[in-house]
Amino acid sequence: MADTLTYLDIAYKILKEENKARSLHYKVIAKRAFKLGLIESDDLIISGNISSAINADIRKSKIEGEESKFITYGKGQYGLSENEPKGIFAEIRDKNNQVKRQLLEALLAMPPFSFEELVGEVLRNLGFENITVTSKSGDGGIDVTGELVVAGAIKNSVCVQVKRWRNNVQRASISELRGSLRPHQTGLFITTSDFSKPSIEEANDPYKAPISLINGKEFVDILCDYGIGVTAEEVIIYDIDDENGLIDIPGQVEVDEEGIEIFTKYKGQEHYAIYFSPSKVIYNNEVFKSPSAAGTKVQNGLPVNGWKFWKFIDEKDGKTYPIDRLREK
């Protein structure tokens, strides 16, 4: 390993340079670090050390009440906190994740046959044809059948087994589905939980009939993608276009995290606030998204031009100016 870089430094460097994927597996991080000459080897020991260092940093930061540079997404996948959505985008992400959790719980509460019918509807959206829910006929371990047509000519007969489980699917269940297949059929296992490592290995055995796997998270993502059980609302977010030259948008002075004290006088009483940015002003322990909003609060709901309403003392000359001066002209 490079003398000046720790495993954490290396992981941060690799993840920082990654601009396509939200996260990387620790083995991928090790391989890229090895190619760059940052570590002597990308074997399991060193790649495991990178994973351990990241996990230790996440635990340490949590104990100390701080935010780690890293985020774990489970199953060895790591990303950077700085790449996570912020502000309204984080709120949208959290809302969507909450809906997905509720949707998964709803799936777990469905009657078995209703869930199988739902799976049939999902397969139709995925392009399957001649779909039949077979569980009532007692057709072995197969719950749904269908045909996936490729290039309008090649038909693949697919047999599906579904399990509304909270516990992970084990190897025996994969073997049971494979044993129910006829020649030239492929299998698909759908569960609301997940798959154990041995079951994944069994499904991917190259010397046996192929079995595809869809876990609960993936199934919910498919439901959301096709609008099954959810509704989608379009959110329009405006941002300033300062490149087209049609409108002269004034620049803004960078304000440090300590903020700038601002003040005003209304009905003989002085009011004080802290200005952080054009979209963050704290007045009376409340955060406002503009100086005007904070000024309106001072005036008990009466609208005001906050840029003229609030004043500050310029440290350069000691004089008092409207905070409009904080915006470069």
C-alpha atoms as a PDB file:
ATOM      1  CA  MET A   1       0.000   0.000   0.000  1.00  0.00           C
ATOM      2  CA  ALA A   2       1.202   3.504  -0.761  1.00  0.00           C
ATOM      3  CA  ASP A   3       3.076   4.987   2.230  1.00  0.00           C
ATOM      4  CA  THR A   4       0.940   8.098   2.454  1.00  0.00           C
ATOM      5  CA  LEU A   5      -2.472   6.539   1.910  1.00  0.00           C
ATOM      6  CA  THR A   6      -4.548   4.535   4.357  1.00  0.00           C
ATOM      7  CA  TYR A   7      -7.190   2.038   3.284  1.00  0.00           C
ATOM      8  CA  LEU A   8      -9.785   4.756   3.959  1.00  0.00           C
ATOM      9  CA  ASP A   9      -7.869   7.228   1.790  1.00  0.00           C
ATOM     10  CA  ILE A  10      -7.739   4.690  -1.029  1.00  0.00           C
ATOM     11  CA  ALA A  11     -11.441   3.849  -0.787  1.00  0.00           C
ATOM     12  CA  TYR A  12     -12.345   7.545  -0.798  1.00  0.00           C
ATOM     13  CA  LYS A  13     -10.133   8.232  -3.815  1.00  0.00           C
ATOM     14  CA  ILE A  14     -11.654   5.391  -5.858  1.00  0.00           C
ATOM     15  CA  LEU A  15     -15.253   6.262  -4.933  1.00  0.00           C
ATOM     16  CA  LYS A  16     -14.610   9.967  -5.531  1.00  0.00           C
ATOM     17  CA  GLU A  17     -13.413   9.277  -9.068  1.00  0.00           C
ATOM     18  CA  GLU A  18     -16.433   7.069  -9.793  1.00  0.00           C
ATOM     19  CA  ASN A  19     -18.964   9.206 -11.678  1.00  0.00           C
ATOM     20  CA  LYS A  20     -21.306   6.546 -13.041  1.00  0.00           C
ATOM     21  CA  ALA A  21     -22.291   4.197 -10.220  1.00  0.00           C
ATOM     22  CA  ARG A  22     -23.756   5.315  -6.918  1.00  0.00           C
ATOM     23  CA  SER A  23     -21.771   2.632  -5.095  1.00  0.00           C
ATOM     24  CA  LEU A  24     -19.044   0.062  -5.648  1.00  0.00           C
ATOM     25  CA  HIS A  25     -18.373  -3.367  -4.157  1.00  0.00           C
ATOM     26  CA  TYR A  26     -15.276  -3.458  -1.964  1.00  0.00           C
ATOM     27  CA  LYS A  27     -13.686  -6.029  -4.299  1.00  0.00           C
ATOM     28  CA  VAL A  28     -14.153  -3.619  -7.217  1.00  0.00           C
ATOM     29  CA  ILE A  29     -12.599  -0.838  -5.134  1.00  0.00           C
ATOM     30  CA  ALA A  30      -9.593  -3.086  -4.485  1.00  0.00           C
ATOM     31  CA  LYS A  31      -9.212  -4.026  -8.161  1.00  0.00           C
ATOM     32  CA  ARG A  32      -9.227  -0.391  -9.267  1.00  0.00           C
ATOM     33  CA  ALA A  33      -6.797   0.575  -6.516  1.00  0.00           C
ATOM     34  CA  PHE A  34      -4.459  -2.229  -7.603  1.00  0.00           C
ATOM     35  CA  LYS A  35      -4.541  -1.039 -11.223  1.00  0.00           C
ATOM     36  CA  LEU A  36      -3.592   2.447 -10.025  1.00  0.00           C
ATOM     37  CA  GLY A  37      -0.709   1.056  -7.983  1.00  0.00           C
ATOM     38  CA  LEU A  38      -2.229   2.134  -4.662  1.00  0.00           C
ATOM     39  CA  ILE A  39      -2.055  -1.373  -3.162  1.00  0.00           C
ATOM     40  CA  GLU A  40       0.313  -4.305  -3.723  1.00  0.00           C
ATOM     41  CA  SER A  41      -2.453  -6.809  -4.405  1.00  0.00           C
ATOM     42  CA  ASP A  42      -6.222  -7.037  -4.839  1.00  0.00           C
ATOM     43  CA  ASP A  43      -6.522 -10.417  -3.100  1.00  0.00           C
ATOM     44  CA  LEU A  44      -9.282 -11.236  -0.617  1.00  0.00           C
ATOM     45  CA  ILE A  45      -7.207 -10.212   2.394  1.00  0.00           C
ATOM     46  CA  ILE A  46      -6.466  -6.673   1.220  1.00  0.00           C
ATOM     47  CA  SER A  47      -9.920  -6.120  -0.279  1.00  0.00           C
ATOM     48  CA  GLY A  48     -11.372  -7.379   3.020  1.00  0.00           C
ATOM     49  CA  ASN A  49      -9.149  -4.910   4.900  1.00  0.00           C
ATOM     50  CA  ILE A  50     -10.611  -2.078   2.820  1.00  0.00           C
ATOM     51  CA  SER A  51     -14.131  -3.218   3.678  1.00  0.00           C
ATOM     52  CA  SER A  52     -13.232  -3.532   7.376  1.00  0.00           C
ATOM     53  CA  ALA A  53     -11.700  -0.051   7.433  1.00  0.00           C
ATOM     54  CA  ILE A  54     -14.828   1.483   5.907  1.00  0.00           C
ATOM     55  CA  ASN A  55     -17.120  -0.373   8.327  1.00  0.00           C
ATOM     56  CA  ALA A  56     -14.966   0.691  11.282  1.00  0.00           C
ATOM     57  CA  ASP A  57     -15.108   4.333  10.178  1.00  0.00           C
ATOM     58  CA  ILE A  58     -18.903   4.182   9.846  1.00  0.00           C
ATOM     59  CA  ARG A  59     -19.246   2.654  13.344  1.00  0.00           C
ATOM     60  CA  LYS A  60     -16.789   5.130  14.898  1.00  0.00           C
ATOM     61  CA  SER A  61     -18.558   8.119  13.349  1.00  0.00           C
ATOM     62  CA  LYS A  62     -21.927   6.860  14.589  1.00  0.00           C
ATOM     63  CA  ILE A  63     -20.628   6.480  18.154  1.00  0.00           C
ATOM     64  CA  GLU A  64     -19.115   9.976  18.070  1.00  0.00           C
ATOM     65  CA  GLY A  65     -22.277  11.483  16.623  1.00  0.00           C
ATOM     66  CA  GLU A  66     -20.590  12.489  13.397  1.00  0.00           C
ATOM     67  CA  GLU A  67     -21.245  11.712   9.756  1.00  0.00           C
ATOM     68  CA  SER A  68     -18.870   9.280   8.098  1.00  0.00           C
ATOM     69  CA  LYS A  69     -17.529   9.970   4.630  1.00  0.00           C
ATOM     70  CA  PHE A  70     -18.870   6.561   3.651  1.00  0.00           C
ATOM     71  CA  ILE A  71     -22.263   4.917   3.340  1.00  0.00           C
ATOM     72  CA  THR A  72     -22.911   1.184   3.274  1.00  0.00           C
ATOM     73  CA  TYR A  73     -25.694  -0.161   1.079  1.00  0.00           C
ATOM     74  CA  GLY A  74     -25.267  -3.747   2.279  1.00  0.00           C
ATOM     75  CA  LYS A  75     -23.781  -6.806   0.591  1.00  0.00           C
ATOM     76  CA  GLY A  76     -20.348  -5.177   0.382  1.00  0.00           C
ATOM     77  CA  GLN A  77     -21.512  -2.081  -1.530  1.00  0.00           C
ATOM     78  CA  TYR A  78     -20.159   1.308  -0.419  1.00  0.00           C
ATOM     79  CA  GLY A  79     -20.609   4.915  -1.509  1.00  0.00           C
ATOM     80  CA  LEU A  80     -19.801   8.441  -0.352  1.00  0.00           C
ATOM     81  CA  SER A  81     -22.039  10.556   1.867  1.00  0.00           C
ATOM     82  CA  GLU A  82     -21.262  13.622  -0.252  1.00  0.00           C
ATOM     83  CA  ASN A  83     -22.840  11.952  -3.285  1.00  0.00           C
ATOM     84  CA  GLU A  84     -26.152  11.381  -1.530  1.00  0.00           C
ATOM     85  CA  PRO A  85     -29.049  13.632  -2.589  1.00  0.00           C
ATOM     86  CA  LYS A  86     -29.418  16.824  -0.560  1.00  0.00           C
ATOM     87  CA  GLY A  87     -32.365  19.094   0.216  1.00  0.00           C
ATOM     88  CA  ILE A  88     -35.547  18.495  -1.739  1.00  0.00           C
ATOM     89  CA  PHE A  89     -33.930  15.615  -3.651  1.00  0.00           C
ATOM     90  CA  ALA A  90     -33.227  13.824  -0.367  1.00  0.00           C
ATOM     91  CA  GLU A  91     -36.837  14.391   0.685  1.00  0.00           C
ATOM     92  CA  ILE A  92     -38.068  12.852  -2.580  1.00  0.00           C
ATOM     93  CA  ARG A  93     -35.760   9.862  -2.120  1.00  0.00           C
ATOM     94  CA  ASP A  94     -36.921   9.332   1.473  1.00  0.00           C
ATOM     95  CA  LYS A  95     -40.573   9.603   0.454  1.00  0.00           C
ATOM     96  CA  ASN A  96     -40.111   7.042  -2.335  1.00  0.00           C
ATOM     97  CA  ASN A  97     -38.279   4.659  -0.012  1.00  0.00           C
ATOM     98  CA  GLN A  98     -41.092   4.965   2.521  1.00  0.00           C
ATOM     99  CA  VAL A  99     -43.680   4.124  -0.152  1.00  0.00           C
ATOM    100  CA  LYS A 100     -41.616   1.109  -1.251  1.00  0.00           C
ATOM    101  CA  ARG A 101     -41.483  -0.191   2.329  1.00  0.00           C
ATOM    102  CA  GLN A 102     -45.258   0.209   2.656  1.00  0.00           C
ATOM    103  CA  LEU A 103     -45.754  -1.547  -0.676  1.00  0.00           C
ATOM    104  CA  LEU A 104     -43.618  -4.498   0.434  1.00  0.00           C
ATOM    105  CA  GLU A 105     -45.634  -4.829   3.648  1.00  0.00           C
ATOM    106  CA  ALA A 106     -48.830  -4.771   1.587  1.00  0.00           C
ATOM    107  CA  LEU A 107     -47.486  -7.631  -0.533  1.00  0.00           C
ATOM    108  CA  LEU A 108     -46.778  -9.676   2.582  1.00  0.00           C
ATOM    109  CA  ALA A 109     -50.383  -9.182   3.723  1.00  0.00           C
ATOM    110  CA  MET A 110     -51.982 -10.244   0.414  1.00  0.00           C
ATOM    111  CA  PRO A 111     -53.838 -13.579   0.087  1.00  0.00           C
ATOM    112  CA  PRO A 112     -51.583 -16.123  -1.692  1.00  0.00           C
ATOM    113  CA  PHE A 113     -53.665 -16.413  -4.884  1.00  0.00           C
ATOM    114  CA  SER A 114     -54.015 -12.620  -5.155  1.00  0.00           C
ATOM    115  CA  PHE A 115     -50.256 -12.291  -4.955  1.00  0.00           C
ATOM    116  CA  GLU A 116     -49.828 -14.875  -7.703  1.00  0.00           C
ATOM    117  CA  GLU A 117     -52.286 -12.967  -9.891  1.00  0.00           C
ATOM    118  CA  LEU A 118     -50.270  -9.812  -9.218  1.00  0.00           C
ATOM    119  CA  VAL A 119     -47.137 -11.629 -10.373  1.00  0.00           C
ATOM    120  CA  GLY A 120     -48.992 -12.562 -13.567  1.00  0.00           C
ATOM    121  CA  GLU A 121     -49.826  -8.892 -14.141  1.00  0.00           C
ATOM    122  CA  VAL A 122     -46.189  -7.940 -13.619  1.00  0.00           C
ATOM    123  CA  LEU A 123     -45.103 -10.553 -16.160  1.00  0.00           C
ATOM    124  CA  ARG A 124     -47.542  -9.100 -18.707  1.00  0.00           C
ATOM    125  CA  ASN A 125     -45.918  -5.712 -18.248  1.00  0.00           C
ATOM    126  CA  LEU A 126     -42.509  -7.322 -18.749  1.00  0.00           C
ATOM    127  CA  GLY A 127     -43.589  -8.683 -22.123  1.00  0.00           C
ATOM    128  CA  PHE A 128     -44.666 -12.229 -21.262  1.00  0.00           C
ATOM    129  CA  GLU A 129     -47.542 -13.873 -23.158  1.00  0.00           C
ATOM    130  CA  ASN A 130     -49.973 -16.745 -22.495  1.00  0.00           C
ATOM    131  CA  ILE A 131     -49.748 -16.244 -18.742  1.00  0.00           C
ATOM    132  CA  THR A 132     -51.549 -18.722 -16.485  1.00  0.00           C
ATOM    133  CA  VAL A 133     -51.832 -18.826 -12.710  1.00  0.00           C
ATOM    134  CA  THR A 134     -51.486 -22.546 -12.015  1.00  0.00           C
ATOM    135  CA  SER A 135     -51.313 -22.808  -8.220  1.00  0.00           C
ATOM    136  CA  LYS A 136     -54.985 -23.815  -7.862  1.00  0.00           C
ATOM    137  CA  SER A 137     -54.417 -26.771 -10.165  1.00  0.00           C
ATOM    138  CA  GLY A 138     -51.656 -28.112  -7.948  1.00  0.00           C
ATOM    139  CA  ASP A 139     -49.058 -28.112 -10.722  1.00  0.00           C
ATOM    140  CA  GLY A 140     -46.043 -29.100  -8.598  1.00  0.00           C
ATOM    141  CA  GLY A 141     -44.151 -26.140  -7.159  1.00  0.00           C
ATOM    142  CA  ILE A 142     -45.075 -23.881 -10.069  1.00  0.00           C
ATOM    143  CA  ASP A 143     -47.437 -20.964  -9.410  1.00  0.00           C
ATOM    144  CA  VAL A 144     -47.414 -19.064 -12.714  1.00  0.00           C
ATOM    145  CA  THR A 145     -46.418 -19.949 -16.275  1.00  0.00           C
ATOM    146  CA  GLY A 146     -45.847 -17.763 -19.302  1.00  0.00           C
ATOM    147  CA  GLU A 147     -43.973 -17.382 -22.548  1.00  0.00           C
ATOM    148  CA  LEU A 148     -41.364 -14.775 -23.247  1.00  0.00           C
ATOM    149  CA  VAL A 149     -41.172 -14.090 -26.975  1.00  0.00           C
ATOM    150  CA  VAL A 150     -37.817 -12.848 -28.298  1.00  0.00           C
ATOM    151  CA  ALA A 151     -37.509 -11.139 -31.713  1.00  0.00           C
ATOM    152  CA  GLY A 152     -41.106 -12.100 -32.480  1.00  0.00           C
ATOM    153  CA  ALA A 153     -40.133 -15.705 -33.166  1.00  0.00           C
ATOM    154  CA  ILE A 154     -38.259 -17.367 -30.303  1.00  0.00           C
ATOM    155  CA  LYS A 155     -40.538 -18.515 -27.466  1.00  0.00           C
ATOM    156  CA  ASN A 156     -39.140 -19.296 -24.041  1.00  0.00           C
ATOM    157  CA  SER A 157     -41.447 -21.200 -21.699  1.00  0.00           C
ATOM    158  CA  VAL A 158     -40.983 -19.842 -18.169  1.00  0.00           C
ATOM    159  CA  CYS A 159     -42.256 -21.414 -14.954  1.00  0.00           C
ATOM    160  CA  VAL A 160     -42.537 -19.162 -11.915  1.00  0.00           C
ATOM    161  CA  GLN A 161     -42.606 -19.971  -8.242  1.00  0.00           C
ATOM    162  CA  VAL A 162     -43.554 -17.189  -5.806  1.00  0.00           C
ATOM    163  CA  LYS A 163     -43.045 -17.019  -2.050  1.00  0.00           C
ATOM    164  CA  ARG A 164     -44.389 -14.297   0.255  1.00  0.00           C
ATOM    165  CA  TRP A 165     -41.712 -14.895   2.856  1.00  0.00           C
ATOM    166  CA  ARG A 166     -39.818 -12.746   5.348  1.00  0.00           C
ATOM    167  CA  ASN A 167     -37.004 -15.287   5.677  1.00  0.00           C
ATOM    168  CA  ASN A 168     -34.480 -15.811   2.896  1.00  0.00           C
ATOM    169  CA  VAL A 169     -35.114 -18.494   0.288  1.00  0.00           C
ATOM    170  CA  GLN A 170     -32.812 -21.508   0.738  1.00  0.00           C
ATOM    171  CA  ARG A 171     -31.140 -23.858  -1.742  1.00  0.00           C
ATOM    172  CA  ALA A 172     -33.821 -26.568  -1.342  1.00  0.00           C
ATOM    173  CA  SER A 173     -36.533 -24.266  -2.717  1.00  0.00           C
ATOM    174  CA  ILE A 174     -34.490 -23.571  -5.845  1.00  0.00           C
ATOM    175  CA  SER A 175     -33.926 -27.299  -6.341  1.00  0.00           C
ATOM    176  CA  GLU A 176     -37.659 -27.923  -5.910  1.00  0.00           C
ATOM    177  CA  LEU A 177     -38.527 -25.445  -8.657  1.00  0.00           C
ATOM    178  CA  ARG A 178     -35.880 -26.898 -10.973  1.00  0.00           C
ATOM    179  CA  GLY A 179     -37.285 -30.394 -10.360  1.00  0.00           C
ATOM    180  CA  SER A 180     -40.711 -29.216 -11.558  1.00  0.00           C
ATOM    181  CA  LEU A 181     -39.392 -27.994 -14.915  1.00  0.00           C
ATOM    182  CA  ARG A 182     -39.953 -29.896 -18.117  1.00  0.00           C
ATOM    183  CA  PRO A 183     -37.369 -30.093 -20.913  1.00  0.00           C
ATOM    184  CA  HIS A 184     -36.646 -26.709 -22.565  1.00  0.00           C
ATOM    185  CA  GLN A 185     -38.316 -24.766 -19.724  1.00  0.00           C
ATOM    186  CA  THR A 186     -36.589 -22.154 -17.584  1.00  0.00           C
ATOM    187  CA  GLY A 187     -37.481 -21.149 -14.041  1.00  0.00           C
ATOM    188  CA  LEU A 188     -38.098 -17.854 -12.304  1.00  0.00           C
ATOM    189  CA  PHE A 189     -38.275 -17.544  -8.508  1.00  0.00           C
ATOM    190  CA  ILE A 190     -39.912 -14.430  -7.052  1.00  0.00           C
ATOM    191  CA  THR A 191     -39.918 -13.719  -3.321  1.00  0.00           C
ATOM    192  CA  THR A 192     -40.763 -10.825  -1.033  1.00  0.00           C
ATOM    193  CA  SER A 193     -37.621 -11.609   1.003  1.00  0.00           C
ATOM    194  CA  ASP A 194     -34.187 -12.396  -0.414  1.00  0.00           C
ATOM    195  CA  PHE A 195     -32.019 -15.366  -1.393  1.00  0.00           C
ATOM    196  CA  SER A 196     -29.337 -17.080   0.661  1.00  0.00           C
ATOM    197  CA  LYS A 197     -25.860 -17.402  -0.834  1.00  0.00           C
ATOM    198  CA  PRO A 198     -26.250 -21.198  -1.393  1.00  0.00           C
ATOM    199  CA  SER A 199     -29.591 -20.637  -3.161  1.00  0.00           C
ATOM    200  CA  ILE A 200     -27.981 -18.089  -5.495  1.00  0.00           C
ATOM    201  CA  GLU A 201     -25.156 -20.495  -6.246  1.00  0.00           C
ATOM    202  CA  GLU A 202     -27.691 -23.240  -6.988  1.00  0.00           C
ATOM    203  CA  ALA A 203     -29.707 -20.993  -9.310  1.00  0.00           C
ATOM    204  CA  ASN A 204     -26.563 -19.986 -11.213  1.00  0.00           C
ATOM    205  CA  ASP A 205     -25.181 -23.517 -11.620  1.00  0.00           C
ATOM    206  CA  PRO A 206     -24.116 -23.581 -15.317  1.00  0.00           C
ATOM    207  CA  TYR A 207     -24.641 -27.335 -15.592  1.00  0.00           C
ATOM    208  CA  LYS A 208     -28.325 -27.253 -14.614  1.00  0.00           C
ATOM    209  CA  ALA A 209     -31.506 -25.718 -15.987  1.00  0.00           C
ATOM    210  CA  PRO A 210     -31.336 -21.937 -15.515  1.00  0.00           C
ATOM    211  CA  ILE A 211     -33.274 -20.293 -12.687  1.00  0.00           C
ATOM    212  CA  SER A 212     -33.671 -16.502 -12.571  1.00  0.00           C
ATOM    213  CA  LEU A 213     -34.173 -14.735  -9.226  1.00  0.00           C
ATOM    214  CA  ILE A 214     -36.162 -11.626  -8.230  1.00  0.00           C
ATOM    215  CA  ASN A 215     -36.068 -10.603  -4.566  1.00  0.00           C
ATOM    216  CA  GLY A 216     -38.500  -8.364  -2.711  1.00  0.00           C
ATOM    217  CA  LYS A 217     -36.646  -5.106  -3.341  1.00  0.00           C
ATOM    218  CA  GLU A 218     -36.321  -5.845  -7.046  1.00  0.00           C
ATOM    219  CA  PHE A 219     -39.984  -6.843  -7.313  1.00  0.00           C
ATOM    220  CA  VAL A 220     -41.110  -3.613  -5.627  1.00  0.00           C
ATOM    221  CA  ASP A 221     -38.861  -1.617  -7.977  1.00  0.00           C
ATOM    222  CA  ILE A 222     -40.562  -3.309 -10.942  1.00  0.00           C
ATOM    223  CA  LEU A 223     -44.003  -2.443  -9.520  1.00  0.00           C
ATOM    224  CA  CYS A 224     -42.962   1.189  -9.197  1.00  0.00           C
ATOM    225  CA  ASP A 225     -41.416   1.292 -12.678  1.00  0.00           C
ATOM    226  CA  TYR A 226     -44.680   0.117 -14.245  1.00  0.00           C
ATOM    227  CA  GLY A 227     -47.023   2.052 -11.925  1.00  0.00           C
ATOM    228  CA  ILE A 228     -48.565  -1.074 -10.376  1.00  0.00           C
ATOM    229  CA  GLY A 229     -49.894  -0.289  -6.902  1.00  0.00           C
ATOM    230  CA  VAL A 230     -48.424   3.213  -6.928  1.00  0.00           C
ATOM    231  CA  THR A 231     -49.059   6.554  -8.564  1.00  0.00           C
ATOM    232  CA  ALA A 232     -46.329   8.887  -9.788  1.00  0.00           C
ATOM    233  CA  GLU A 233     -46.394  12.672  -9.461  1.00  0.00           C
ATOM    234  CA  GLU A 234     -44.253  14.882 -11.661  1.00  0.00           C
ATOM    235  CA  VAL A 235     -42.163  17.373  -9.713  1.00  0.00           C
ATOM    236  CA  ILE A 236     -40.879  20.447 -11.571  1.00  0.00           C
ATOM    237  CA  ILE A 237     -37.849  22.154 -10.020  1.00  0.00           C
ATOM    238  CA  TYR A 238     -36.663  25.477 -11.389  1.00  0.00           C
ATOM    239  CA  ASP A 239     -33.067  26.660 -11.285  1.00  0.00           C
ATOM    240  CA  ILE A 240     -31.429  29.857 -12.483  1.00  0.00           C
ATOM    241  CA  ASP A 241     -30.071  29.789 -16.045  1.00  0.00           C
ATOM    242  CA  ASP A 242     -27.158  32.195 -15.951  1.00  0.00           C
ATOM    243  CA  GLU A 243     -25.679  31.079 -19.265  1.00  0.00           C
ATOM    244  CA  ASN A 244     -28.209  32.221 -21.884  1.00  0.00           C
ATOM    245  CA  GLY A 245     -27.482  35.918 -21.333  1.00  0.00           C
ATOM    246  CA  LEU A 246     -31.155  36.954 -21.540  1.00  0.00           C
ATOM    247  CA  ILE A 247     -31.343  37.929 -17.870  1.00  0.00           C
ATOM    248  CA  ASP A 248     -28.511  39.453 -15.884  1.00  0.00           C
ATOM    249  CA  ILE A 249     -28.577  37.383 -12.702  1.00  0.00           C
ATOM    250  CA  PRO A 250     -26.536  39.032  -9.914  1.00  0.00           C
ATOM    251  CA  GLY A 251     -23.921  36.828  -8.325  1.00  0.00           C
ATOM    252  CA  GLN A 252     -23.893  36.135  -4.612  1.00  0.00           C
ATOM    253  CA  VAL A 253     -21.205  36.581  -2.016  1.00  0.00           C
ATOM    254  CA  GLU A 254     -20.134  33.378  -0.298  1.00  0.00           C
ATOM    255  CA  VAL A 255     -21.053  33.474   3.381  1.00  0.00           C
ATOM    256  CA  ASP A 256     -19.160  31.314   5.872  1.00  0.00           C
ATOM    257  CA  GLU A 257     -20.910  28.849   8.134  1.00  0.00           C
ATOM    258  CA  GLU A 258     -20.881  31.346  11.038  1.00  0.00           C
ATOM    259  CA  GLY A 259     -23.239  33.588   9.106  1.00  0.00           C
ATOM    260  CA  ILE A 260     -23.597  37.368   9.252  1.00  0.00           C
ATOM    261  CA  GLU A 261     -25.620  39.166  11.914  1.00  0.00           C
ATOM    262  CA  ILE A 262     -28.377  41.295  10.376  1.00  0.00           C
ATOM    263  CA  PHE A 263     -30.902  43.550  12.076  1.00  0.00           C
ATOM    264  CA  THR A 264     -33.912  45.776  11.538  1.00  0.00           C
ATOM    265  CA  LYS A 265     -36.176  48.115  13.483  1.00  0.00           C
ATOM    266  CA  TYR A 266     -39.931  47.662  13.351  1.00  0.00           C
ATOM    267  CA  LYS A 267     -42.439  49.622  15.448  1.00  0.00           C
ATOM    268  CA  GLY A 268     -39.647  50.889  17.698  1.00  0.00           C
ATOM    269  CA  GLN A 269     -38.299  47.415  18.436  1.00  0.00           C
ATOM    270  CA  GLU A 270     -35.015  46.018  17.163  1.00  0.00           C
ATOM    271  CA  HIS A 271     -34.927  42.538  15.673  1.00  0.00           C
ATOM    272  CA  TYR A 272     -31.842  40.447  14.981  1.00  0.00           C
ATOM    273  CA  ALA A 273     -31.267  37.506  12.642  1.00  0.00           C
ATOM    274  CA  ILE A 274     -28.417  35.518  11.081  1.00  0.00           C
ATOM    275  CA  TYR A 275     -27.905  35.600   7.314  1.00  0.00           C
ATOM    276  CA  PHE A 276     -26.241  32.486   5.863  1.00  0.00           C
ATOM    277  CA  SER A 277     -27.272  32.683   2.223  1.00  0.00           C
ATOM    278  CA  PRO A 278     -30.114  34.063   0.050  1.00  0.00           C
ATOM    279  CA  SER A 279     -32.033  30.864   0.865  1.00  0.00           C
ATOM    280  CA  LYS A 280     -31.186  30.550   4.564  1.00  0.00           C
ATOM    281  CA  VAL A 281     -31.917  33.159   7.229  1.00  0.00           C
ATOM    282  CA  ILE A 282     -32.444  32.298  10.897  1.00  0.00           C
ATOM    283  CA  TYR A 283     -34.722  34.578  12.890  1.00  0.00           C
ATOM    284  CA  ASN A 284     -36.072  33.827  16.364  1.00  0.00           C
ATOM    285  CA  ASN A 285     -34.684  30.240  16.123  1.00  0.00           C
ATOM    286  CA  GLU A 286     -36.660  29.609  12.931  1.00  0.00           C
ATOM    287  CA  VAL A 287     -35.129  28.979   9.489  1.00  0.00           C
ATOM    288  CA  PHE A 288     -36.508  31.016   6.577  1.00  0.00           C
ATOM    289  CA  LYS A 289     -35.824  30.455   2.887  1.00  0.00           C
ATOM    290  CA  SER A 290     -35.335  34.154   2.099  1.00  0.00           C
ATOM    291  CA  PRO A 291     -34.712  37.498   3.840  1.00  0.00           C
ATOM    292  CA  SER A 292     -38.192  38.579   2.743  1.00  0.00           C
ATOM    293  CA  ALA A 293     -39.813  35.609   4.445  1.00  0.00           C
ATOM    294  CA  ALA A 294     -37.977  36.434   7.665  1.00  0.00           C
ATOM    295  CA  GLY A 295     -38.995  40.100   7.340  1.00  0.00           C
ATOM    296  CA  THR A 296     -42.622  39.126   6.789  1.00  0.00           C
ATOM    297  CA  LYS A 297     -42.447  37.174  10.055  1.00  0.00           C
ATOM    298  CA  VAL A 298     -41.197  40.289  11.861  1.00  0.00           C
ATOM    299  CA  GLN A 299     -44.127  42.312  10.435  1.00  0.00           C
ATOM    300  CA  ASN A 300     -46.696  39.683  11.492  1.00  0.00           C
ATOM    301  CA  GLY A 301     -47.516  38.590   7.950  1.00  0.00           C
ATOM    302  CA  LEU A 302     -47.147  41.885   6.087  1.00  0.00           C
ATOM    303  CA  PRO A 303     -45.050  41.386   2.920  1.00  0.00           C
ATOM    304  CA  VAL A 304     -41.709  43.183   2.716  1.00  0.00           C
ATOM    305  CA  ASN A 305     -38.640  43.411   0.503  1.00  0.00           C
ATOM    306  CA  GLY A 306     -36.195  41.688   2.828  1.00  0.00           C
ATOM    307  CA  TRP A 307     -33.134  42.908   0.948  1.00  0.00           C
ATOM    308  CA  LYS A 308     -33.973  46.500   1.903  1.00  0.00           C
ATOM    309  CA  PHE A 309     -35.640  45.652   5.221  1.00  0.00           C
ATOM    310  CA  TRP A 310     -32.646  43.990   6.866  1.00  0.00           C
ATOM    311  CA  LYS A 311     -29.356  45.818   7.518  1.00  0.00           C
ATOM    312  CA  PHE A 312     -25.815  44.726   8.363  1.00  0.00           C
ATOM    313  CA  ILE A 313     -22.562  46.378   9.383  1.00  0.00           C
ATOM    314  CA  ASP A 314     -19.829  46.068   6.768  1.00  0.00           C
ATOM    315  CA  GLU A 315     -16.591  45.119   8.564  1.00  0.00           C
ATOM    316  CA  LYS A 316     -14.537  46.900   5.879  1.00  0.00           C
ATOM    317  CA  ASP A 317     -15.738  50.406   6.703  1.00  0.00           C
ATOM    318  CA  GLY A 318     -17.905  49.939   9.802  1.00  0.00           C
ATOM    319  CA  LYS A 319     -20.937  51.436   8.059  1.00  0.00           C
ATOM    320  CA  THR A 320     -24.501  50.114   7.991  1.00  0.00           C
ATOM    321  CA  TYR A 321     -26.003  48.961   4.665  1.00  0.00           C
ATOM    322  CA  PRO A 322     -29.093  47.074   3.483  1.00  0.00           C
ATOM    323  CA  ILE A 323     -28.226  43.415   2.988  1.00  0.00           C
ATOM    324  CA  ASP A 324     -28.890  43.899  -0.710  1.00  0.00           C
ATOM    325  CA  ARG A 325     -25.217  44.880  -0.699  1.00  0.00           C
ATOM    326  CA  LEU A 326     -24.349  41.222  -0.038  1.00  0.00           C
ATOM    327  CA  ARG A 327     -25.381  40.491  -3.614  1.00  0.00           C
ATOM    328  CA  GLU A 328     -22.760  41.505  -6.151  1.00  0.00           C
ATOM    329  CA  LYS A 329     -24.026  43.814  -8.864  1.00  0.00           C
END
